Amino acid sequence: MKIFQNDKEERGKTLELIIALDISMGKSYKVLYDGQTCLSEGEILHNKFGFQALLEEIYSLPEEPKIVFESTGIYSKPVETFCQKNNLTYFLLNPLEAKKQLEQGTLRSWKTDKHDAHKLAQIHPFVDRSEKVQQPEIYTELRDLSRFYQEIEGQIKHTRMYLHHALQVSFPELERFFSSRVTPYALTLIELFPHPELVLQTSRTKIKNLLMKTTHKKISENRAMEKAKLLIEYAQESYPAVSPDSVPTQKVQYYARQLLHLLEEKKWFQNN
């Protein structure tokens, strides 16, 4: 990578230095411009050594450059963190904004990382871009937590659907245990007895003891015995379409475990 190190006074004019980055997975193509003149270009890896080299180049310049790049989700996050940690001025463009600006020229039609980086730098003096203002860390944390919570909610919804499909051929009567909502207690029971034959092979007392031992919810011995009796009744009337060792039966146990874990994560969010 070529490094620009000319002195500002020797150039005899005010510099408008722009570093534009075209970001991809794990790396960026970087160009350094003064107006319409490219002073250096090269690839930067998104690791400690790559960002240190970029920072050293920035510090070698006669004035702080403005850094421009398009938001690409998780791939641009390391670059944004680099700018924030080093208090650098940067412009983060949303994809639609970047697309419109790049289409002002002709380079978008034969896009490469190199060409887009050059174009982002070349058009910077002629477009209205807002400098990214760093928010307090607490807002970022709250936003990330909110997104994470929504992801868990989505996973719970999909996993419950998968569990429903698997139960329809293995032991559909078990859905009566969570007709209104999925609970850890019901999921523990489903994981233990995903098929009616497994219930009928087990005594009521043993079922009661297993329920009391494995459930996360504290229940009385009488309550556990009632549930064991009800479970046996369900097993006696059930007509499964698959065997106890079938793949659908294994899927019932798998999805029950997944839902248990997801409900624990959701509970942690609600309590913190």
C-alpha atoms as a PDB file:
ATOM      1  CA  MET A   1       0.000   0.000   0.000  1.00  0.00           C
ATOM      2  CA  LYS A   2       1.304   3.445  -0.906  1.00  0.00           C
ATOM      3  CA  ILE A   3       1.302   6.021   1.872  1.00  0.00           C
ATOM      4  CA  PHE A   4       0.648   9.745   1.385  1.00  0.00           C
ATOM      5  CA  GLN A   5       2.964  11.858   3.543  1.00  0.00           C
ATOM      6  CA  ASN A   6       3.246  15.291   1.875  1.00  0.00           C
ATOM      7  CA  ASP A   7       3.242  18.339   4.083  1.00  0.00           C
ATOM      8  CA  LYS A   8       0.108  20.508   3.890  1.00  0.00           C
ATOM      9  CA  GLU A   9       2.075  23.776   3.531  1.00  0.00           C
ATOM     10  CA  GLU A  10       4.155  22.394   0.685  1.00  0.00           C
ATOM     11  CA  ARG A  11       0.991  21.661  -1.274  1.00  0.00           C
ATOM     12  CA  GLY A  12      -0.086  25.303  -1.004  1.00  0.00           C
ATOM     13  CA  LYS A  13      -3.817  24.620  -0.611  1.00  0.00           C
ATOM     14  CA  THR A  14      -6.366  23.365   1.881  1.00  0.00           C
ATOM     15  CA  LEU A  15      -6.669  19.630   1.782  1.00  0.00           C
ATOM     16  CA  GLU A  16      -9.986  17.828   1.589  1.00  0.00           C
ATOM     17  CA  LEU A  17      -8.850  14.329   2.302  1.00  0.00           C
ATOM     18  CA  ILE A  18     -11.331  11.494   1.831  1.00  0.00           C
ATOM     19  CA  ILE A  19     -10.841   7.847   2.649  1.00  0.00           C
ATOM     20  CA  ALA A  20     -13.522   5.724   0.972  1.00  0.00           C
ATOM     21  CA  LEU A  21     -13.976   2.056   1.750  1.00  0.00           C
ATOM     22  CA  ASP A  22     -15.827  -0.600  -0.172  1.00  0.00           C
ATOM     23  CA  ILE A  23     -16.568  -3.217   2.446  1.00  0.00           C
ATOM     24  CA  SER A  24     -16.939  -6.947   1.987  1.00  0.00           C
ATOM     25  CA  MET A  25     -16.653  -9.922   4.319  1.00  0.00           C
ATOM     26  CA  GLY A  26     -13.500  -9.570   6.419  1.00  0.00           C
ATOM     27  CA  LYS A  27     -11.856  -6.889   4.303  1.00  0.00           C
ATOM     28  CA  SER A  28     -12.256  -3.528   2.553  1.00  0.00           C
ATOM     29  CA  TYR A  29     -10.829  -1.876  -0.503  1.00  0.00           C
ATOM     30  CA  LYS A  30      -9.512   1.549   0.561  1.00  0.00           C
ATOM     31  CA  VAL A  31      -8.778   4.631  -1.490  1.00  0.00           C
ATOM     32  CA  LEU A  32      -7.367   7.952  -0.258  1.00  0.00           C
ATOM     33  CA  TYR A  33      -8.363  11.033  -2.251  1.00  0.00           C
ATOM     34  CA  ASP A  34      -7.532  14.726  -2.181  1.00  0.00           C
ATOM     35  CA  GLY A  35     -10.324  16.231  -4.254  1.00  0.00           C
ATOM     36  CA  GLN A  36     -10.341  14.235  -7.486  1.00  0.00           C
ATOM     37  CA  THR A  37      -6.791  12.956  -7.084  1.00  0.00           C
ATOM     38  CA  CYS A  38      -6.177   9.447  -5.790  1.00  0.00           C
ATOM     39  CA  LEU A  39      -3.187   9.435  -3.470  1.00  0.00           C
ATOM     40  CA  SER A  40      -3.175   5.788  -2.405  1.00  0.00           C
ATOM     41  CA  GLU A  41      -5.239   2.645  -2.569  1.00  0.00           C
ATOM     42  CA  GLY A  42      -5.111  -0.925  -1.359  1.00  0.00           C
ATOM     43  CA  GLU A  43      -6.823  -3.701   0.522  1.00  0.00           C
ATOM     44  CA  ILE A  44      -7.325  -3.661   4.285  1.00  0.00           C
ATOM     45  CA  LEU A  45      -8.086  -6.768   6.303  1.00  0.00           C
ATOM     46  CA  HIS A  46     -10.550  -6.377   9.170  1.00  0.00           C
ATOM     47  CA  ASN A  47      -8.171  -7.547  11.850  1.00  0.00           C
ATOM     48  CA  LYS A  48      -5.878  -5.932  14.402  1.00  0.00           C
ATOM     49  CA  PHE A  49      -2.991  -5.539  11.972  1.00  0.00           C
ATOM     50  CA  GLY A  50      -5.105  -4.194   9.124  1.00  0.00           C
ATOM     51  CA  PHE A  51      -6.776  -1.526  11.269  1.00  0.00           C
ATOM     52  CA  GLN A  52      -3.471  -0.587  12.898  1.00  0.00           C
ATOM     53  CA  ALA A  53      -1.946  -0.013   9.453  1.00  0.00           C
ATOM     54  CA  LEU A  54      -4.908   2.156   8.482  1.00  0.00           C
ATOM     55  CA  LEU A  55      -4.632   4.170  11.685  1.00  0.00           C
ATOM     56  CA  GLU A  56      -0.912   4.744  11.137  1.00  0.00           C
ATOM     57  CA  GLU A  57      -1.648   6.000   7.629  1.00  0.00           C
ATOM     58  CA  ILE A  58      -4.297   8.370   8.962  1.00  0.00           C
ATOM     59  CA  TYR A  59      -1.932   9.724  11.618  1.00  0.00           C
ATOM     60  CA  SER A  60       0.755  10.302   8.969  1.00  0.00           C
ATOM     61  CA  LEU A  61      -1.496  12.670   7.024  1.00  0.00           C
ATOM     62  CA  PRO A  62      -1.275  16.450   7.488  1.00  0.00           C
ATOM     63  CA  GLU A  63      -4.936  16.572   8.547  1.00  0.00           C
ATOM     64  CA  GLU A  64      -7.613  14.132   9.560  1.00  0.00           C
ATOM     65  CA  PRO A  65      -9.409  12.639   6.553  1.00  0.00           C
ATOM     66  CA  LYS A  66     -13.134  12.062   6.322  1.00  0.00           C
ATOM     67  CA  ILE A  67     -14.002   8.386   6.078  1.00  0.00           C
ATOM     68  CA  VAL A  68     -16.880   7.247   3.874  1.00  0.00           C
ATOM     69  CA  PHE A  69     -18.378   3.772   3.576  1.00  0.00           C
ATOM     70  CA  GLU A  70     -21.654   1.996   2.958  1.00  0.00           C
ATOM     71  CA  SER A  71     -23.439   0.153   5.743  1.00  0.00           C
ATOM     72  CA  THR A  72     -23.300  -3.570   5.036  1.00  0.00           C
ATOM     73  CA  GLY A  73     -24.638  -4.857   8.346  1.00  0.00           C
ATOM     74  CA  ILE A  74     -22.312  -7.165  10.217  1.00  0.00           C
ATOM     75  CA  TYR A  75     -19.476  -6.691   7.717  1.00  0.00           C
ATOM     76  CA  SER A  76     -19.246  -2.914   8.174  1.00  0.00           C
ATOM     77  CA  LYS A  77     -19.585  -3.056  11.971  1.00  0.00           C
ATOM     78  CA  PRO A  78     -15.823  -3.586  12.609  1.00  0.00           C
ATOM     79  CA  VAL A  79     -15.041  -0.523  10.461  1.00  0.00           C
ATOM     80  CA  GLU A  80     -17.567   1.596  12.332  1.00  0.00           C
ATOM     81  CA  THR A  81     -16.163   0.408  15.666  1.00  0.00           C
ATOM     82  CA  PHE A  82     -12.665   1.337  14.469  1.00  0.00           C
ATOM     83  CA  CYS A  83     -13.840   4.877  13.641  1.00  0.00           C
ATOM     84  CA  GLN A  84     -15.633   5.267  16.959  1.00  0.00           C
ATOM     85  CA  LYS A  85     -12.771   3.991  19.099  1.00  0.00           C
ATOM     86  CA  ASN A  86     -10.328   6.370  17.408  1.00  0.00           C
ATOM     87  CA  ASN A  87     -12.714   9.378  17.331  1.00  0.00           C
ATOM     88  CA  LEU A  88     -12.552   9.631  13.547  1.00  0.00           C
ATOM     89  CA  THR A  89     -14.990  11.580  11.393  1.00  0.00           C
ATOM     90  CA  TYR A  90     -16.978   9.146   9.287  1.00  0.00           C
ATOM     91  CA  PHE A  91     -20.007   9.044   7.013  1.00  0.00           C
ATOM     92  CA  LEU A  92     -22.057   5.861   7.120  1.00  0.00           C
ATOM     93  CA  LEU A  93     -24.288   5.563   4.054  1.00  0.00           C
ATOM     94  CA  ASN A  94     -27.353   3.371   4.004  1.00  0.00           C
ATOM     95  CA  PRO A  95     -27.440   1.044   0.949  1.00  0.00           C
ATOM     96  CA  LEU A  96     -30.169   2.995  -0.861  1.00  0.00           C
ATOM     97  CA  GLU A  97     -28.351   6.295  -0.339  1.00  0.00           C
ATOM     98  CA  ALA A  98     -25.086   4.818  -1.574  1.00  0.00           C
ATOM     99  CA  LYS A  99     -26.764   3.265  -4.607  1.00  0.00           C
ATOM    100  CA  LYS A 100     -28.326   6.574  -5.655  1.00  0.00           C
ATOM    101  CA  GLN A 101     -25.047   8.433  -5.257  1.00  0.00           C
ATOM    102  CA  LEU A 102     -23.042   5.843  -7.181  1.00  0.00           C
ATOM    103  CA  GLU A 103     -25.576   5.831  -9.999  1.00  0.00           C
ATOM    104  CA  GLN A 104     -24.789   9.480 -10.633  1.00  0.00           C
ATOM    105  CA  GLY A 105     -21.832   8.096 -12.568  1.00  0.00           C
ATOM    106  CA  THR A 106     -21.391   5.036 -14.731  1.00  0.00           C
ATOM    107  CA  LEU A 107     -19.248   2.878 -12.515  1.00  0.00           C
ATOM    108  CA  ARG A 108     -22.154   1.110 -10.825  1.00  0.00           C
ATOM    109  CA  SER A 109     -23.022  -0.759 -14.007  1.00  0.00           C
ATOM    110  CA  TRP A 110     -19.660  -2.545 -14.007  1.00  0.00           C
ATOM    111  CA  LYS A 111     -19.263  -2.701 -10.266  1.00  0.00           C
ATOM    112  CA  THR A 112     -16.124  -3.896  -8.541  1.00  0.00           C
ATOM    113  CA  ASP A 113     -14.960  -3.133  -5.022  1.00  0.00           C
ATOM    114  CA  LYS A 114     -12.203  -0.926  -6.426  1.00  0.00           C
ATOM    115  CA  HIS A 115     -14.507   1.103  -8.640  1.00  0.00           C
ATOM    116  CA  ASP A 116     -17.111   1.704  -5.949  1.00  0.00           C
ATOM    117  CA  ALA A 117     -14.462   2.872  -3.478  1.00  0.00           C
ATOM    118  CA  HIS A 118     -13.130   5.358  -6.036  1.00  0.00           C
ATOM    119  CA  LYS A 119     -16.589   6.628  -6.874  1.00  0.00           C
ATOM    120  CA  LEU A 120     -17.562   7.099  -3.218  1.00  0.00           C
ATOM    121  CA  ALA A 121     -14.515   9.311  -2.786  1.00  0.00           C
ATOM    122  CA  GLN A 122     -14.864  11.205  -6.079  1.00  0.00           C
ATOM    123  CA  ILE A 123     -18.473  12.305  -5.538  1.00  0.00           C
ATOM    124  CA  HIS A 124     -18.076  13.208  -1.851  1.00  0.00           C
ATOM    125  CA  PRO A 125     -17.516  16.963  -2.485  1.00  0.00           C
ATOM    126  CA  PHE A 126     -20.676  17.133  -4.609  1.00  0.00           C
ATOM    127  CA  VAL A 127     -23.255  15.304  -2.465  1.00  0.00           C
ATOM    128  CA  ASP A 128     -24.879  16.075   0.857  1.00  0.00           C
ATOM    129  CA  ARG A 129     -23.764  13.519   3.419  1.00  0.00           C
ATOM    130  CA  SER A 130     -24.413  13.654   7.140  1.00  0.00           C
ATOM    131  CA  GLU A 131     -21.589  12.894   9.499  1.00  0.00           C
ATOM    132  CA  LYS A 132     -22.341   9.939  11.715  1.00  0.00           C
ATOM    133  CA  VAL A 133     -22.883  11.029  15.308  1.00  0.00           C
ATOM    134  CA  GLN A 134     -21.978   8.408  17.855  1.00  0.00           C
ATOM    135  CA  GLN A 135     -24.749   7.714  20.372  1.00  0.00           C
ATOM    136  CA  PRO A 136     -24.064   6.837  24.004  1.00  0.00           C
ATOM    137  CA  GLU A 137     -23.235   3.165  24.408  1.00  0.00           C
ATOM    138  CA  ILE A 138     -26.403   2.536  26.412  1.00  0.00           C
ATOM    139  CA  TYR A 139     -28.582   3.256  23.360  1.00  0.00           C
ATOM    140  CA  THR A 140     -26.621   0.827  21.228  1.00  0.00           C
ATOM    141  CA  GLU A 141     -26.909  -1.833  23.929  1.00  0.00           C
ATOM    142  CA  LEU A 142     -30.666  -1.321  24.263  1.00  0.00           C
ATOM    143  CA  ARG A 143     -31.152  -1.503  20.502  1.00  0.00           C
ATOM    144  CA  ASP A 144     -29.103  -4.694  20.248  1.00  0.00           C
ATOM    145  CA  LEU A 145     -30.961  -6.255  23.174  1.00  0.00           C
ATOM    146  CA  SER A 146     -34.290  -5.388  21.588  1.00  0.00           C
ATOM    147  CA  ARG A 147     -33.273  -6.993  18.308  1.00  0.00           C
ATOM    148  CA  PHE A 148     -31.972 -10.066  20.113  1.00  0.00           C
ATOM    149  CA  TYR A 149     -35.239 -10.380  22.026  1.00  0.00           C
ATOM    150  CA  GLN A 150     -37.218 -10.201  18.788  1.00  0.00           C
ATOM    151  CA  GLU A 151     -34.983 -12.884  17.274  1.00  0.00           C
ATOM    152  CA  ILE A 152     -35.692 -15.171  20.238  1.00  0.00           C
ATOM    153  CA  GLU A 153     -39.432 -14.493  19.930  1.00  0.00           C
ATOM    154  CA  GLY A 154     -39.247 -15.435  16.254  1.00  0.00           C
ATOM    155  CA  GLN A 155     -37.328 -18.622  17.014  1.00  0.00           C
ATOM    156  CA  ILE A 156     -39.882 -19.604  19.673  1.00  0.00           C
ATOM    157  CA  LYS A 157     -42.692 -19.152  17.155  1.00  0.00           C
ATOM    158  CA  HIS A 158     -41.004 -21.242  14.468  1.00  0.00           C
ATOM    159  CA  THR A 159     -39.798 -23.965  16.850  1.00  0.00           C
ATOM    160  CA  ARG A 160     -43.282 -24.314  18.326  1.00  0.00           C
ATOM    161  CA  MET A 161     -44.622 -24.831  14.797  1.00  0.00           C
ATOM    162  CA  TYR A 162     -42.008 -27.532  14.142  1.00  0.00           C
ATOM    163  CA  LEU A 163     -42.899 -29.214  17.429  1.00  0.00           C
ATOM    164  CA  HIS A 164     -46.588 -29.146  16.509  1.00  0.00           C
ATOM    165  CA  HIS A 165     -45.879 -30.871  13.185  1.00  0.00           C
ATOM    166  CA  ALA A 166     -43.753 -33.578  14.814  1.00  0.00           C
ATOM    167  CA  LEU A 167     -46.324 -34.235  17.546  1.00  0.00           C
ATOM    168  CA  GLN A 168     -49.114 -34.800  15.029  1.00  0.00           C
ATOM    169  CA  VAL A 169     -47.570 -38.124  14.005  1.00  0.00           C
ATOM    170  CA  SER A 170     -45.935 -39.074  17.297  1.00  0.00           C
ATOM    171  CA  PHE A 171     -48.261 -38.130  20.189  1.00  0.00           C
ATOM    172  CA  PRO A 172     -50.754 -35.379  19.250  1.00  0.00           C
ATOM    173  CA  GLU A 173     -52.625 -35.605  22.554  1.00  0.00           C
ATOM    174  CA  LEU A 174     -49.651 -34.019  24.298  1.00  0.00           C
ATOM    175  CA  GLU A 175     -50.606 -30.658  22.823  1.00  0.00           C
ATOM    176  CA  ARG A 176     -53.416 -30.510  25.357  1.00  0.00           C
ATOM    177  CA  PHE A 177     -50.758 -29.733  27.949  1.00  0.00           C
ATOM    178  CA  PHE A 178     -50.024 -26.419  26.267  1.00  0.00           C
ATOM    179  CA  SER A 179     -53.215 -25.533  24.432  1.00  0.00           C
ATOM    180  CA  SER A 180     -52.928 -21.855  25.411  1.00  0.00           C
ATOM    181  CA  ARG A 181     -49.178 -21.345  25.718  1.00  0.00           C
ATOM    182  CA  VAL A 182     -45.943 -23.280  25.825  1.00  0.00           C
ATOM    183  CA  THR A 183     -44.631 -23.732  29.367  1.00  0.00           C
ATOM    184  CA  PRO A 184     -41.388 -25.250  30.694  1.00  0.00           C
ATOM    185  CA  TYR A 185     -43.461 -27.790  32.607  1.00  0.00           C
ATOM    186  CA  ALA A 186     -45.273 -29.025  29.498  1.00  0.00           C
ATOM    187  CA  LEU A 187     -42.060 -29.121  27.469  1.00  0.00           C
ATOM    188  CA  THR A 188     -40.298 -31.162  30.148  1.00  0.00           C
ATOM    189  CA  LEU A 189     -43.127 -33.664  30.024  1.00  0.00           C
ATOM    190  CA  ILE A 190     -43.031 -33.785  26.219  1.00  0.00           C
ATOM    191  CA  GLU A 191     -39.284 -34.354  26.171  1.00  0.00           C
ATOM    192  CA  LEU A 192     -39.625 -37.233  28.639  1.00  0.00           C
ATOM    193  CA  PHE A 193     -42.539 -38.900  26.866  1.00  0.00           C
ATOM    194  CA  PRO A 194     -42.624 -38.003  23.143  1.00  0.00           C
ATOM    195  CA  HIS A 195     -44.500 -41.208  22.263  1.00  0.00           C
ATOM    196  CA  PRO A 196     -47.448 -42.986  23.957  1.00  0.00           C
ATOM    197  CA  GLU A 197     -45.636 -46.334  24.129  1.00  0.00           C
ATOM    198  CA  LEU A 198     -43.000 -44.741  26.344  1.00  0.00           C
ATOM    199  CA  VAL A 199     -45.776 -43.713  28.711  1.00  0.00           C
ATOM    200  CA  LEU A 200     -47.464 -47.105  28.760  1.00  0.00           C
ATOM    201  CA  GLN A 201     -44.150 -48.799  29.518  1.00  0.00           C
ATOM    202  CA  THR A 202     -43.750 -46.677  32.663  1.00  0.00           C
ATOM    203  CA  SER A 203     -45.665 -46.893  35.937  1.00  0.00           C
ATOM    204  CA  ARG A 204     -47.729 -43.971  37.188  1.00  0.00           C
ATOM    205  CA  THR A 205     -45.505 -43.626  40.249  1.00  0.00           C
ATOM    206  CA  LYS A 206     -42.346 -43.492  38.163  1.00  0.00           C
ATOM    207  CA  ILE A 207     -43.900 -40.909  35.840  1.00  0.00           C
ATOM    208  CA  LYS A 208     -44.855 -38.853  38.889  1.00  0.00           C
ATOM    209  CA  ASN A 209     -41.318 -39.036  40.282  1.00  0.00           C
ATOM    210  CA  LEU A 210     -39.777 -38.097  36.925  1.00  0.00           C
ATOM    211  CA  LEU A 211     -42.056 -35.096  36.638  1.00  0.00           C
ATOM    212  CA  MET A 212     -41.168 -33.877  40.116  1.00  0.00           C
ATOM    213  CA  LYS A 213     -37.446 -34.432  39.547  1.00  0.00           C
ATOM    214  CA  THR A 214     -37.014 -32.920  36.107  1.00  0.00           C
ATOM    215  CA  THR A 215     -39.470 -30.053  35.864  1.00  0.00           C
ATOM    216  CA  HIS A 216     -38.267 -26.507  36.542  1.00  0.00           C
ATOM    217  CA  LYS A 217     -41.591 -25.753  38.200  1.00  0.00           C
ATOM    218  CA  LYS A 218     -42.198 -26.776  41.793  1.00  0.00           C
ATOM    219  CA  ILE A 219     -45.295 -28.975  42.005  1.00  0.00           C
ATOM    220  CA  SER A 220     -46.783 -31.024  44.806  1.00  0.00           C
ATOM    221  CA  GLU A 221     -46.722 -34.809  44.831  1.00  0.00           C
ATOM    222  CA  ASN A 222     -50.495 -34.950  44.417  1.00  0.00           C
ATOM    223  CA  ARG A 223     -50.351 -32.573  41.428  1.00  0.00           C
ATOM    224  CA  ALA A 224     -47.612 -34.655  39.807  1.00  0.00           C
ATOM    225  CA  MET A 225     -49.654 -37.819  40.332  1.00  0.00           C
ATOM    226  CA  GLU A 226     -52.669 -36.202  38.683  1.00  0.00           C
ATOM    227  CA  LYS A 227     -50.546 -35.237  35.684  1.00  0.00           C
ATOM    228  CA  ALA A 228     -49.128 -38.755  35.490  1.00  0.00           C
ATOM    229  CA  LYS A 229     -52.641 -40.233  35.500  1.00  0.00           C
ATOM    230  CA  LEU A 230     -53.765 -37.815  32.791  1.00  0.00           C
ATOM    231  CA  LEU A 231     -50.722 -38.613  30.682  1.00  0.00           C
ATOM    232  CA  ILE A 232     -51.487 -42.326  30.860  1.00  0.00           C
ATOM    233  CA  GLU A 233     -55.064 -41.661  29.771  1.00  0.00           C
ATOM    234  CA  TYR A 234     -53.803 -39.708  26.780  1.00  0.00           C
ATOM    235  CA  ALA A 235     -51.398 -42.520  25.888  1.00  0.00           C
ATOM    236  CA  GLN A 236     -54.137 -45.130  26.056  1.00  0.00           C
ATOM    237  CA  GLU A 237     -56.318 -43.276  23.567  1.00  0.00           C
ATOM    238  CA  SER A 238     -53.517 -42.216  21.210  1.00  0.00           C
ATOM    239  CA  TYR A 239     -52.942 -43.837  17.818  1.00  0.00           C
ATOM    240  CA  PRO A 240     -49.426 -42.750  16.734  1.00  0.00           C
ATOM    241  CA  ALA A 241     -48.387 -42.890  13.093  1.00  0.00           C
ATOM    242  CA  VAL A 242     -44.734 -43.600  13.917  1.00  0.00           C
ATOM    243  CA  SER A 243     -42.755 -45.809  16.269  1.00  0.00           C
ATOM    244  CA  PRO A 244     -41.068 -44.688  19.522  1.00  0.00           C
ATOM    245  CA  ASP A 245     -37.614 -44.778  17.903  1.00  0.00           C
ATOM    246  CA  SER A 246     -38.625 -42.985  14.697  1.00  0.00           C
ATOM    247  CA  VAL A 247     -37.107 -39.739  13.471  1.00  0.00           C
ATOM    248  CA  PRO A 248     -40.333 -37.731  14.093  1.00  0.00           C
ATOM    249  CA  THR A 249     -40.310 -38.935  17.719  1.00  0.00           C
ATOM    250  CA  GLN A 250     -36.706 -37.823  18.065  1.00  0.00           C
ATOM    251  CA  LYS A 251     -37.678 -34.480  16.544  1.00  0.00           C
ATOM    252  CA  VAL A 252     -40.332 -34.044  19.239  1.00  0.00           C
ATOM    253  CA  GLN A 253     -37.646 -34.344  21.921  1.00  0.00           C
ATOM    254  CA  TYR A 254     -35.255 -32.092  20.022  1.00  0.00           C
ATOM    255  CA  TYR A 255     -37.772 -29.279  19.535  1.00  0.00           C
ATOM    256  CA  ALA A 256     -38.943 -29.572  23.144  1.00  0.00           C
ATOM    257  CA  ARG A 257     -35.350 -29.066  24.321  1.00  0.00           C
ATOM    258  CA  GLN A 258     -34.904 -26.150  21.930  1.00  0.00           C
ATOM    259  CA  LEU A 259     -38.051 -24.462  23.205  1.00  0.00           C
ATOM    260  CA  LEU A 260     -37.012 -24.970  26.821  1.00  0.00           C
ATOM    261  CA  HIS A 261     -33.716 -23.233  26.117  1.00  0.00           C
ATOM    262  CA  LEU A 262     -35.403 -20.388  24.234  1.00  0.00           C
ATOM    263  CA  LEU A 263     -37.909 -19.828  27.043  1.00  0.00           C
ATOM    264  CA  GLU A 264     -35.053 -19.617  29.540  1.00  0.00           C
ATOM    265  CA  GLU A 265     -33.345 -16.995  27.365  1.00  0.00           C
ATOM    266  CA  LYS A 266     -36.599 -15.033  27.064  1.00  0.00           C
ATOM    267  CA  LYS A 267     -37.081 -15.138  30.833  1.00  0.00           C
ATOM    268  CA  TRP A 268     -33.546 -13.793  31.333  1.00  0.00           C
ATOM    269  CA  PHE A 269     -34.329 -10.833  29.080  1.00  0.00           C
ATOM    270  CA  GLN A 270     -37.532 -10.103  30.959  1.00  0.00           C
ATOM    271  CA  ASN A 271     -35.736 -10.152  34.301  1.00  0.00           C
ATOM    272  CA  ASN A 272     -32.789  -7.949  33.281  1.00  0.00           C
END
